[in-house]
C-alpha cells in the first residue's frame, strides 16, 4: 500500500530513498519514448493536478509528473472511463519528478491527485493509434505476466482463507503465523491490485490512510488486533470482508490483460513500494515483517522485468545487463536477513543495515525506470 502523505519517505534511510521514487534517465531527465507521440506534463499542486496538453492523439506517450511544492499530494494517476488506473507515479514529495509511459487508446480519461483540493481533471485521447504489428516477444511477455498474476492471486485466495479462518476461530498465534504467508503473494502483484480503484485500500490500507478509523479494513486492521491488542475479538467481520475483497480481486484478474508498458511500470512501482514503506519499516508497523514484503516486492518486480528481457535484449542489451546485475545486488543485500521461510524482524536492523538496503534499491530503481519508455517505443515501432 502506498503510504499516506504524512508517512512518505521518512526514517533512517533518508535521501538514499529519494531516487527510487523518481523515473527518468541517468541524468535526471525523463526517459524518452522512441517513436512515440511526445510528452504530457502533469503538474501536482495542493490545489490539484492538470495535464498539459489535456488532449493527445492515440498511441505512445510519456507522462512527466512533477510535484511543484505540494505537501498534501504525492501522486498522480491516469484513470480510464472504466475506473481503472492505467498509469501512475507515487511518492513524489515536493520537487521530485517521475515518469510513466503508455500505449494510449482513444477515450475519455481523468488525471487524479488524491488529497488535492480538486482531485480530478479531464484528459482526452483522440483518434486511432498508428497501425503496428505485435512483437511476438512482447506478446509472450504479457501472456506470461497474466499467468503469473493469476497464479499469485490464486495463492493469495488460499492463504488469506486460512489466515481469516484462524482469526475467526480466535487462534491468535496461528493467525500470526499465517499473516506473513498471506501477505507475500499480494505484495508480488500489488500494482495490479492498486489499479482497481478502492480495492487496494480495502485490502491493504494502514490506519493513517483512512479518513475514519472506524471504517478501516484489511490486512493491517487485523495485524493491529493481533500484535497490539493480542485479541481477535470483533475481528470476524473484518476477516470475512478481507476474504470477499481478495475473491473480488481474483475475479477481476481473470479477464485483465496487460500491455508491455504495464509490466515495466509495475516493476518500477514495486521498487517504489520498497523505497517508500518497506525499507523504512512503515508497512508492517505492528508485526515488523517488513522484509517479507520487501522480498516479495523485489520478486514481483524481477518477474515482470525477466518476462520483458527477451524483447529488451534486442533493443538495449547493455541496460538488461545492468538491471539484472543490480537485481542480483538487491537479492544479495537482503540474503543475510533470511530466517527460515521468512526474514528477521525489521526492528532487528541497524541504521547502517537499513542504509545498505536502501542504497541497493536506489541503484536498481534508476535504470529500471528507463524500461517503460524503451518498451513503449519498441512496441510502437
Protein backbone atom coordinates (compact mmCIF):
# COMPACT_ATOMS: atom_id res chain seq x y z
CA UNK A 1 0.00 0.00 0.00
CA UNK A 2 1.38 3.39 -0.97
CA UNK A 3 1.87 5.43 2.19
CA UNK A 4 -0.29 8.31 3.29
CA UNK A 5 1.49 11.63 2.56
CA UNK A 6 2.17 12.15 6.27
CA UNK A 7 4.27 9.00 6.25
CA UNK A 8 6.04 9.17 2.93
CA UNK A 9 9.81 8.86 2.71
CA UNK A 10 10.64 9.12 6.39
CA UNK A 11 13.01 7.36 8.79
CA UNK A 12 16.65 6.46 8.78
CA UNK A 13 17.39 5.73 5.15
CA UNK A 14 17.00 9.43 4.39
CA UNK A 15 18.00 10.81 0.98
CA UNK A 16 19.03 7.40 -0.33
CA UNK A 17 15.32 6.68 -0.80
CA UNK A 18 14.54 9.66 -2.94
CA UNK A 19 15.82 8.48 -6.29
CA UNK A 20 13.76 5.34 -6.03
CA UNK A 21 10.66 7.49 -6.32
CA UNK A 22 11.90 9.14 -9.49
CA UNK A 23 11.58 7.92 -13.04
CA UNK A 24 13.84 9.04 -15.83
CA UNK A 25 17.24 8.72 -17.34
CA UNK A 26 20.60 8.71 -15.62
CA UNK A 27 20.88 12.47 -15.92
CA UNK A 28 17.54 13.01 -14.22
CA UNK A 29 15.75 13.78 -17.49
CA UNK A 30 12.60 11.88 -18.39
CA UNK A 31 13.07 8.67 -20.32
CA UNK A 32 12.04 9.18 -23.96
CA UNK A 33 9.59 7.01 -25.84
CA UNK A 34 11.23 6.08 -29.10
CA UNK A 35 8.77 6.57 -31.93
CA UNK A 36 6.17 8.00 -29.57
CA UNK A 37 3.85 10.96 -29.98
CA UNK A 38 5.52 13.05 -27.29
CA UNK A 39 5.32 14.02 -23.65
CA UNK A 40 2.49 15.06 -21.39
CA UNK A 41 3.38 17.08 -18.31
CA UNK A 42 1.33 16.54 -15.15
CA UNK A 43 1.89 19.19 -12.51
CA UNK A 44 0.96 18.35 -8.93
CA UNK A 45 0.00 21.13 -6.51
CA UNK A 46 -2.08 21.17 -3.34
CA UNK A 47 -4.88 22.76 -5.37
CA UNK A 48 -4.98 19.92 -7.89
CA UNK A 49 -3.24 18.41 -10.87
CA UNK A 50 -3.53 19.10 -14.56
CA UNK A 51 -2.15 17.65 -17.76
CA UNK A 52 -0.54 19.73 -20.49
CA UNK A 53 -1.67 19.11 -23.17
CA UNK A 54 -5.04 17.83 -21.96
CA UNK A 55 -5.79 16.18 -25.32
CA UNK A 56 -3.40 13.91 -27.22
CA UNK A 57 -3.65 11.54 -30.18
CA UNK A 58 -3.85 7.81 -29.53
CA UNK A 59 -0.55 5.98 -29.44
CA UNK A 60 2.60 6.03 -27.36
CA UNK A 61 3.16 8.79 -24.82
CA UNK A 62 5.31 9.53 -21.81
CA UNK A 63 3.87 11.35 -18.81
CA UNK A 64 6.30 13.57 -16.92
CA UNK A 65 4.96 14.14 -13.41
CA UNK A 66 6.34 16.93 -11.24
CA UNK A 67 5.41 17.93 -7.70
CA UNK A 68 5.57 21.72 -7.55
CA UNK A 69 5.52 22.23 -3.81
CA UNK A 70 2.50 20.11 -2.90
CA UNK A 71 2.70 18.74 0.63
CA UNK A 72 -0.74 17.11 0.79
CA UNK A 73 -0.43 15.37 -2.58
CA UNK A 74 2.31 12.93 -3.59
CA UNK A 75 0.88 11.03 -6.55
CA UNK A 76 -0.85 11.41 -9.89
CA UNK A 77 -2.95 8.74 -11.59
CA UNK A 78 -4.31 8.36 -15.11
CA UNK A 79 -7.71 6.66 -14.85
CA UNK A 80 -9.74 5.32 -17.77
CA UNK A 81 -13.51 5.59 -18.21
CA UNK A 82 -13.97 2.22 -16.51
CA UNK A 83 -12.32 3.47 -13.32
CA UNK A 84 -9.09 1.51 -13.69
CA UNK A 85 -5.77 3.22 -13.03
CA UNK A 86 -3.75 2.70 -16.22
CA UNK A 87 -0.67 4.64 -15.15
CA UNK A 88 0.60 6.48 -12.08
CA UNK A 89 3.57 7.90 -10.25
CA UNK A 90 3.60 7.81 -6.48
CA UNK A 91 5.71 9.01 -3.57
CA UNK A 92 6.65 12.30 -5.23
CA UNK A 93 7.41 14.73 -2.43
CA UNK A 94 7.92 18.45 -3.25
CA UNK A 95 10.48 18.96 -6.01
CA UNK A 96 10.57 15.35 -7.16
CA UNK A 97 9.67 14.22 -10.67
CA UNK A 98 8.71 10.87 -12.15
CA UNK A 99 7.59 9.39 -15.44
CA UNK A 100 5.48 6.61 -16.84
CA UNK A 101 4.93 5.57 -20.45
CA UNK A 102 1.86 4.03 -22.04
CA UNK A 103 0.29 2.99 -25.30
CA UNK A 104 -2.92 5.05 -25.15
CA UNK A 105 -6.23 4.06 -26.69
CA UNK A 106 -8.83 6.66 -27.68
CA UNK A 107 -11.27 7.64 -24.95
CA UNK A 108 -12.04 9.87 -22.00
CA UNK A 109 -9.70 9.68 -19.03
CA UNK A 110 -9.16 11.62 -15.83
CA UNK A 111 -5.97 12.73 -14.14
CA UNK A 112 -6.44 12.21 -10.41
CA UNK A 113 -4.41 13.50 -7.47
CA UNK A 114 -5.73 12.10 -4.18
CA UNK A 115 -5.91 14.62 -1.31
CA UNK A 116 -5.75 17.70 -3.56
CA UNK A 117 -8.39 20.41 -3.18
CA UNK A 118 -9.60 19.43 -6.66
CA UNK A 119 -8.73 15.78 -7.12
CA UNK A 120 -9.66 15.23 -10.78
CA UNK A 121 -9.22 16.86 -14.19
CA UNK A 122 -10.23 15.72 -17.66
CA UNK A 123 -7.83 14.14 -20.15
CA UNK A 124 -8.80 13.05 -23.67
CA UNK A 125 -7.17 10.68 -26.15
CA UNK A 126 -8.47 11.08 -29.69
CA UNK A 127 -8.25 9.18 -32.95
CA UNK A 128 -6.73 5.78 -33.54
CA UNK A 129 -3.24 4.59 -32.72
CA UNK A 130 -0.89 4.07 -35.68
CA UNK A 131 -1.09 0.56 -37.07
CA UNK A 132 1.61 -1.74 -35.76
CA UNK A 133 2.43 -5.43 -35.75
CA UNK A 134 2.50 -7.11 -32.36
CA UNK A 135 6.01 -8.19 -31.46
CA UNK A 136 5.88 -11.89 -30.54
CA UNK A 137 8.42 -11.32 -27.75
CA UNK A 138 6.24 -8.68 -26.13
CA UNK A 139 3.14 -10.82 -26.68
CA UNK A 140 4.82 -13.69 -24.85
CA UNK A 141 5.79 -11.33 -22.02
CA UNK A 142 2.26 -10.05 -21.46
CA UNK A 143 0.78 -13.56 -21.61
CA UNK A 144 3.38 -14.74 -19.14
CA UNK A 145 2.59 -11.89 -16.78
CA UNK A 146 -1.13 -12.56 -17.00
CA UNK A 147 -0.44 -16.16 -15.96
CA UNK A 148 1.86 -15.01 -13.16
CA UNK A 149 -0.71 -12.61 -11.72
CA UNK A 150 -3.45 -15.23 -11.83
CA UNK A 151 -1.21 -17.73 -10.03
CA UNK A 152 -0.20 -15.25 -7.33
CA UNK A 153 -3.78 -14.17 -6.69
CA UNK A 154 -4.89 -17.81 -6.54
CA UNK A 155 -2.24 -18.34 -3.85
CA UNK A 156 -3.49 -15.19 -2.14
CA UNK A 157 -7.05 -16.56 -2.04
CA UNK A 158 -5.88 -19.78 -0.41
CA UNK A 159 -3.53 -18.14 2.09
CA UNK A 160 -6.00 -15.42 3.03
CA UNK A 161 -8.71 -18.01 3.61
CA UNK A 162 -6.51 -19.89 6.05
CA UNK A 163 -5.45 -16.68 7.81
CA UNK A 164 -9.04 -15.43 8.10
CA UNK A 165 -10.20 -18.79 9.44
CA UNK A 166 -7.64 -18.56 12.24
CA UNK A 167 -8.83 -15.04 13.06
CA UNK A 168 -12.46 -16.16 13.16
CA UNK A 169 -11.52 -19.10 15.38
CA UNK A 170 -9.83 -16.74 17.83
CA UNK A 171 -6.47 -18.52 17.43
CA UNK A 172 -4.12 -15.55 17.78
CA UNK A 173 -0.84 -17.47 17.49
CA UNK A 174 -1.94 -19.38 14.40
CA UNK A 175 -3.25 -16.19 12.80
CA UNK A 176 0.11 -14.51 13.46
CA UNK A 177 1.93 -17.43 11.83
CA UNK A 178 -0.33 -17.26 8.76
CA UNK A 179 -0.23 -13.47 8.36
CA UNK A 180 3.11 -13.29 6.52
CA UNK A 181 2.37 -16.11 4.04
CA UNK A 182 -0.89 -14.35 3.14
CA UNK A 183 0.90 -11.04 2.55
CA UNK A 184 3.58 -12.41 0.22
CA UNK A 185 1.55 -13.13 -2.95
CA UNK A 186 -0.27 -9.83 -2.60
CA UNK A 187 2.96 -7.87 -2.39
CA UNK A 188 4.31 -9.56 -5.54
CA UNK A 189 1.48 -8.17 -7.68
CA UNK A 190 0.45 -5.10 -5.68
CA UNK A 191 0.41 -2.66 -8.64
CA UNK A 192 -2.28 -4.79 -10.30
CA UNK A 193 -4.46 -4.62 -7.19
CA UNK A 194 -3.83 -0.88 -6.93
CA UNK A 195 -5.17 -0.39 -10.46
CA UNK A 196 -8.68 -1.39 -9.37
CA UNK A 197 -9.85 1.78 -7.65
CA UNK A 198 -10.69 1.33 -3.98
CA UNK A 199 -9.92 -2.41 -3.84
CA UNK A 200 -6.33 -1.98 -2.67
CA UNK A 201 -7.31 0.45 0.12
CA UNK A 202 -9.90 -2.04 1.36
CA UNK A 203 -7.29 -4.82 1.42
CA UNK A 204 -4.07 -3.04 2.33
CA UNK A 205 -4.71 0.38 3.91
CA UNK A 206 -2.89 1.44 7.06
CA UNK A 207 -4.69 3.45 9.71
CA UNK A 208 -3.20 6.76 8.51
CA UNK A 209 -4.57 6.09 5.02
CA UNK A 210 -8.24 6.23 6.06
CA UNK A 211 -10.23 9.31 6.98
CA UNK A 212 -12.31 7.47 9.57
CA UNK A 213 -10.50 4.72 11.51
CA UNK A 214 -13.88 3.12 12.23
CA UNK A 215 -14.07 2.18 8.54
CA UNK A 216 -10.57 0.67 8.45
CA UNK A 217 -10.48 -2.85 6.99
CA UNK A 218 -8.00 -5.31 5.55
CA UNK A 219 -4.73 -6.94 6.47
CA UNK A 220 -3.34 -4.13 8.61
CA UNK A 221 -6.50 -3.78 10.70
CA UNK A 222 -6.11 -7.45 11.59
CA UNK A 223 -2.36 -7.02 12.07
CA UNK A 224 -3.02 -4.34 14.67
CA UNK A 225 -5.50 -6.53 16.52
CA UNK A 226 -3.12 -9.49 16.59
CA UNK A 227 0.08 -7.72 17.60
CA UNK A 228 -1.18 -4.75 19.63
CA UNK A 229 -4.27 -5.97 21.45
CA UNK A 230 -3.42 -9.67 21.19
CA UNK A 231 -7.06 -10.47 20.58
CA UNK A 232 -9.34 -11.21 17.63
CA UNK A 233 -12.45 -10.01 19.44
CA UNK A 234 -14.69 -8.16 16.98
CA UNK A 235 -12.44 -9.03 14.04
CA UNK A 236 -14.57 -11.75 12.40
CA UNK A 237 -16.39 -9.25 10.12
CA UNK A 238 -13.05 -7.73 9.09
CA UNK A 239 -11.66 -11.17 8.26
CA UNK A 240 -14.77 -12.03 6.26
CA UNK A 241 -14.58 -8.76 4.33
CA UNK A 242 -10.91 -9.41 3.55
CA UNK A 243 -11.78 -12.82 2.11
CA UNK A 244 -14.52 -11.22 -0.01
CA UNK A 245 -12.22 -8.45 -1.27
CA UNK A 246 -9.50 -10.93 -2.21
CA UNK A 247 -12.11 -13.03 -4.03
CA UNK A 248 -13.17 -9.91 -5.95
CA UNK A 249 -9.55 -9.31 -6.93
CA UNK A 250 -9.31 -12.90 -8.13
CA UNK A 251 -12.38 -12.42 -10.32
CA UNK A 252 -11.01 -9.22 -11.83
CA UNK A 253 -7.60 -10.60 -12.76
CA UNK A 254 -9.12 -13.50 -14.71
CA UNK A 255 -10.06 -11.14 -17.55
CA UNK A 256 -7.42 -8.43 -17.12
CA UNK A 257 -4.95 -8.07 -19.95
CA UNK A 258 -1.69 -6.13 -19.98
CA UNK A 259 0.39 -4.13 -22.40
CA UNK A 260 4.19 -4.34 -22.24
CA UNK A 261 4.37 -0.96 -20.52
CA UNK A 262 2.21 -2.30 -17.69
CA UNK A 263 4.97 -4.78 -16.87
CA UNK A 264 7.65 -2.09 -16.97
CA UNK A 265 5.64 0.44 -14.97
CA UNK A 266 4.66 -2.27 -12.49
CA UNK A 267 8.26 -3.35 -11.98
CA UNK A 268 9.22 0.23 -11.14
CA UNK A 269 6.16 0.72 -8.94
CA UNK A 270 7.14 -2.28 -6.82
CA UNK A 271 10.59 -0.77 -6.27
CA UNK A 272 8.88 2.48 -5.26
CA UNK A 273 6.89 0.47 -2.72
CA UNK A 274 10.12 -0.91 -1.27
CA UNK A 275 11.68 2.54 -1.02
CA UNK A 276 8.67 4.35 0.40
CA UNK A 277 7.40 1.93 3.03
CA UNK A 278 9.22 -1.41 3.25
CA UNK A 279 12.81 -0.33 3.77
CA UNK A 280 11.59 2.36 6.15
CA UNK A 281 9.67 -0.06 8.36
CA UNK A 282 6.34 1.71 7.85
CA UNK A 283 4.35 -1.02 6.09
CA UNK A 284 4.15 -3.60 8.87
CA UNK A 285 4.07 -1.24 11.83
CA UNK A 286 2.82 -3.83 14.33
CA UNK A 287 4.25 -7.18 13.19
CA UNK A 288 7.52 -5.72 11.80
CA UNK A 289 7.65 -8.31 8.98
CA UNK A 290 8.55 -5.55 6.50
CA UNK A 291 11.44 -7.52 4.99
CA UNK A 292 8.98 -10.21 3.92
CA UNK A 293 7.12 -7.55 1.92
CA UNK A 294 10.44 -6.14 0.70
CA UNK A 295 11.45 -9.54 -0.68
CA UNK A 296 8.05 -10.11 -2.29
CA UNK A 297 8.08 -6.68 -3.97
CA UNK A 298 11.52 -7.39 -5.41
CA UNK A 299 10.45 -10.85 -6.59
CA UNK A 300 7.40 -9.43 -8.35
CA UNK A 301 9.44 -6.64 -9.91
CA UNK A 302 12.05 -9.06 -11.19
CA UNK A 303 9.41 -11.38 -12.65
CA UNK A 304 7.95 -8.53 -14.69
CA UNK A 305 11.42 -7.46 -15.84
CA UNK A 306 12.53 -11.00 -16.66
CA UNK A 307 9.46 -11.50 -18.85
CA UNK A 308 10.42 -8.37 -20.81
CA UNK A 309 14.09 -9.33 -21.05
CA UNK A 310 13.95 -11.25 -24.39
CA UNK A 311 12.46 -8.20 -26.12
CA UNK A 312 14.73 -5.72 -24.33
CA UNK A 313 17.76 -7.83 -25.22
CA UNK A 314 17.12 -6.92 -28.86
CA UNK A 315 16.96 -3.16 -28.31
CA UNK A 316 19.24 -2.48 -25.33
CA UNK A 317 21.28 -5.46 -24.11
CA UNK A 318 23.52 -3.23 -22.01
CA UNK A 319 20.54 -2.00 -20.00
CA UNK A 320 19.42 -5.59 -19.47
CA UNK A 321 22.86 -6.50 -18.15
CA UNK A 322 22.92 -3.52 -15.78
CA UNK A 323 19.44 -4.13 -14.38
CA UNK A 324 19.99 -7.88 -13.98
CA UNK A 325 23.19 -7.26 -12.04
CA UNK A 326 21.50 -4.74 -9.77
CA UNK A 327 18.61 -7.08 -9.08
CA UNK A 328 21.25 -9.60 -8.02
CA UNK A 329 22.81 -6.95 -5.78
CA UNK A 330 19.48 -6.32 -4.02
CA UNK A 331 18.95 -10.05 -3.52
CA UNK A 332 22.46 -10.37 -2.12
CA UNK A 333 21.93 -7.42 0.23
CA UNK A 334 18.72 -8.97 1.56
CA UNK A 335 20.08 -12.52 1.93
CA UNK A 336 21.82 -12.10 5.33
CA UNK A 337 18.47 -11.31 6.93
CA UNK A 338 16.82 -14.57 5.85
CA UNK A 339 15.43 -16.61 8.72
CA UNK A 340 13.70 -19.88 7.92
CA UNK A 341 10.94 -19.26 5.38
CA UNK A 342 10.97 -15.55 6.10
CA UNK A 343 13.22 -12.79 7.41
CA UNK A 344 14.28 -11.26 10.70
CA UNK A 345 12.05 -8.54 12.08
CA UNK A 346 12.68 -5.04 10.78
CA UNK A 347 13.31 -3.86 14.34
CA UNK A 348 16.44 -6.02 14.45
CA UNK A 349 18.16 -4.00 11.71
CA UNK A 350 20.70 -1.30 12.46
CA UNK A 351 20.56 2.08 10.72
CA UNK A 352 23.64 1.12 8.69
CA UNK A 353 21.93 -2.06 7.51
CA UNK A 354 18.84 -0.09 6.51
CA UNK A 355 21.02 2.34 4.56
CA UNK A 356 22.78 -0.51 2.77
CA UNK A 357 19.44 -1.98 1.70
CA UNK A 358 18.17 1.43 0.60
CA UNK A 359 21.34 2.03 -1.41
CA UNK A 360 20.94 -1.27 -3.27
CA UNK A 361 17.31 -0.47 -4.09
CA UNK A 362 18.24 3.04 -5.21
CA UNK A 363 20.93 1.72 -7.58
CA UNK A 364 18.37 -0.61 -9.19
CA UNK A 365 15.48 1.86 -9.37
CA UNK A 366 17.20 4.34 -11.67
CA UNK A 367 17.99 2.03 -14.63
CA UNK A 368 14.73 0.13 -14.12
CA UNK A 369 12.82 3.41 -14.53
CA UNK A 370 14.15 3.64 -18.11
CA UNK A 371 12.46 0.43 -19.22
CA UNK A 372 8.90 1.68 -19.78
CA UNK A 373 9.99 4.29 -22.33
CA UNK A 374 12.07 1.76 -24.22
CA UNK A 375 9.29 -0.83 -24.13
CA UNK A 376 6.62 1.54 -25.42
CA UNK A 377 8.96 2.85 -28.10
CA UNK A 378 9.91 -0.63 -29.28
CA UNK A 379 6.33 -1.91 -29.18
CA UNK A 380 5.22 1.14 -31.19
CA UNK A 381 7.95 0.83 -33.82
